[in-house]
C-alpha atoms as a PDB file:
ATOM      1  CA  MET A   1      22.951  16.154   3.186  1.00  0.00           C
ATOM      2  CA  TYR A   2      22.524  15.617  -0.651  1.00  0.00           C
ATOM      3  CA  VAL A   3      21.516  12.306  -1.612  1.00  0.00           C
ATOM      4  CA  GLU A   4      21.429  10.131  -5.029  1.00  0.00           C
ATOM      5  CA  ARG A   5      20.725   7.011  -6.291  1.00  0.00           C
ATOM      6  CA  LYS A   6      23.023   4.654  -7.998  1.00  0.00           C
ATOM      7  CA  LEU A   7      21.763   4.257 -11.319  1.00  0.00           C
ATOM      8  CA  ARG A   8      22.274   0.489 -11.318  1.00  0.00           C
ATOM      9  CA  HIS A   9      21.200  -0.299  -7.806  1.00  0.00           C
ATOM     10  CA  ASP A  10      18.092   1.022  -6.904  1.00  0.00           C
ATOM     11  CA  SER A  11      18.601   0.277  -3.248  1.00  0.00           C
ATOM     12  CA  THR A  12      21.895   1.746  -3.206  1.00  0.00           C
ATOM     13  CA  ALA A  13      22.126   5.827  -2.630  1.00  0.00           C
ATOM     14  CA  ILE A  14      25.269   7.965  -2.276  1.00  0.00           C
ATOM     15  CA  SER A  15      25.822  10.667   0.072  1.00  0.00           C
ATOM     16  CA  THR A  16      27.586  13.908   0.439  1.00  0.00           C
ATOM     17  CA  PRO A  17      27.801  15.634   3.712  1.00  0.00           C
ATOM     18  CA  LEU A  18      27.649  19.337   2.553  1.00  0.00           C
ATOM     19  CA  ILE A  19      27.849  21.045   6.121  1.00  0.00           C
ATOM     20  CA  THR A  20      28.310  18.467   8.939  1.00  0.00           C
ATOM     21  CA  SER A  21      26.436  19.666  12.272  1.00  0.00           C
ATOM     22  CA  GLY A  22      27.627  16.771  15.220  1.00  0.00           C
ATOM     23  CA  SER A  23      24.796  14.381  16.066  1.00  0.00           C
ATOM     24  CA  SER A  24      22.219  15.596  13.319  1.00  0.00           C
ATOM     25  CA  ILE A  25      24.173  14.262  10.374  1.00  0.00           C
ATOM     26  CA  ASP A  26      23.355  10.657  11.153  1.00  0.00           C
ATOM     27  CA  TYR A  27      19.525  11.312  11.195  1.00  0.00           C
ATOM     28  CA  ALA A  28      20.216  13.574   7.679  1.00  0.00           C
ATOM     29  CA  THR A  29      22.150  10.683   6.022  1.00  0.00           C
ATOM     30  CA  ARG A  30      19.293   8.019   7.029  1.00  0.00           C
ATOM     31  CA  MET A  31      16.325  10.712   6.255  1.00  0.00           C
ATOM     32  CA  ALA A  32      17.813  11.637   3.169  1.00  0.00           C
ATOM     33  CA  LYS A  33      18.552   7.974   2.013  1.00  0.00           C
ATOM     34  CA  ILE A  34      15.302   6.811   2.679  1.00  0.00           C
ATOM     35  CA  LEU A  35      13.680   9.811   0.477  1.00  0.00           C
ATOM     36  CA  ALA A  36      16.371   9.444  -2.367  1.00  0.00           C
ATOM     37  CA  ARG A  37      15.044   5.426  -2.822  1.00  0.00           C
ATOM     38  CA  ARG A  38      11.213   6.467  -2.329  1.00  0.00           C
ATOM     39  CA  MET A  39      11.336   9.935  -4.645  1.00  0.00           C
ATOM     40  CA  ARG A  40      13.885   7.924  -6.889  1.00  0.00           C
ATOM     41  CA  GLN A  41      15.629  11.191  -7.554  1.00  0.00           C
ATOM     42  CA  PRO A  42      18.408  13.045  -5.794  1.00  0.00           C
ATOM     43  CA  VAL A  43      17.778  14.803  -2.870  1.00  0.00           C
ATOM     44  CA  TYR A  44      18.622  17.343  -0.235  1.00  0.00           C
ATOM     45  CA  VAL A  45      17.811  17.426   3.310  1.00  0.00           C
ATOM     46  CA  GLY A  46      18.786  19.536   6.346  1.00  0.00           C
ATOM     47  CA  CYS A  47      19.114  18.816   9.809  1.00  0.00           C
ATOM     48  CA  SER A  48      19.412  20.955  12.983  1.00  0.00           C
ATOM     49  CA  MET A  49      17.970  18.703  15.313  1.00  0.00           C
ATOM     50  CA  ASN A  50      19.139  18.009  18.805  1.00  0.00           C
ATOM     51  CA  PHE A  51      18.919  14.447  19.975  1.00  0.00           C
ATOM     52  CA  ALA A  52      20.368  14.521  23.726  1.00  0.00           C
ATOM     53  CA  GLY A  53      18.130  13.135  26.038  1.00  0.00           C
ATOM     54  CA  THR A  54      15.780  10.893  23.647  1.00  0.00           C
ATOM     55  CA  THR A  55      16.015   7.421  22.975  1.00  0.00           C
ATOM     56  CA  ALA A  56      16.890   5.564  19.642  1.00  0.00           C
ATOM     57  CA  GLU A  57      13.480   4.376  19.688  1.00  0.00           C
ATOM     58  CA  GLU A  58      12.045   7.766  19.866  1.00  0.00           C
ATOM     59  CA  GLU A  59      14.272   9.192  17.168  1.00  0.00           C
ATOM     60  CA  MET A  60      13.224   6.581  14.862  1.00  0.00           C
ATOM     61  CA  GLU A  61       9.577   7.146  15.256  1.00  0.00           C
ATOM     62  CA  GLY A  62      10.419  10.924  14.619  1.00  0.00           C
ATOM     63  CA  LEU A  63      11.988   9.697  11.444  1.00  0.00           C
ATOM     64  CA  THR A  64       9.282   7.584  10.098  1.00  0.00           C
ATOM     65  CA  VAL A  65       6.332  10.220  11.374  1.00  0.00           C
ATOM     66  CA  ALA A  66       8.998  12.940   9.108  1.00  0.00           C
ATOM     67  CA  VAL A  67       8.792  10.577   6.296  1.00  0.00           C
ATOM     68  CA  THR A  68       5.680   9.358   5.850  1.00  0.00           C
ATOM     69  CA  GLU A  69       4.770  13.390   6.339  1.00  0.00           C
ATOM     70  CA  ILE A  70       7.430  14.182   3.444  1.00  0.00           C
ATOM     71  CA  MET A  71       6.134  11.042   1.328  1.00  0.00           C
ATOM     72  CA  ARG A  72       1.859  12.007   1.620  1.00  0.00           C
ATOM     73  CA  GLN A  73       2.771  15.616   0.345  1.00  0.00           C
ATOM     74  CA  TRP A  74       5.064  14.592  -2.785  1.00  0.00           C
ATOM     75  CA  ASN A  75       2.624  12.195  -3.665  1.00  0.00           C
ATOM     76  CA  GLU A  76       0.076  14.490  -3.339  1.00  0.00           C
ATOM     77  CA  LYS A  77       1.798  17.169  -5.327  1.00  0.00           C
ATOM     78  CA  LYS A  78       2.729  14.173  -8.099  1.00  0.00           C
ATOM     79  CA  SER A  79      -0.769  14.001  -8.660  1.00  0.00           C
END
């Protein structure tokens, strides 16, 4: 998933699936848009996770943990 922010609208991100693989495309799109907004630059996100048998709450909890850790590492490298 490749995502970049529109220059005029900080909250709007354009996403382009490079390769689609079933249920993980929505997850990758959500994560990529969140990261592009927070990092303020284009991002590539890959996802090959299988969410069969998980609840929406579990999926969102995983997304939150992943984004938090990615941003923590990103901020460490920036400073």
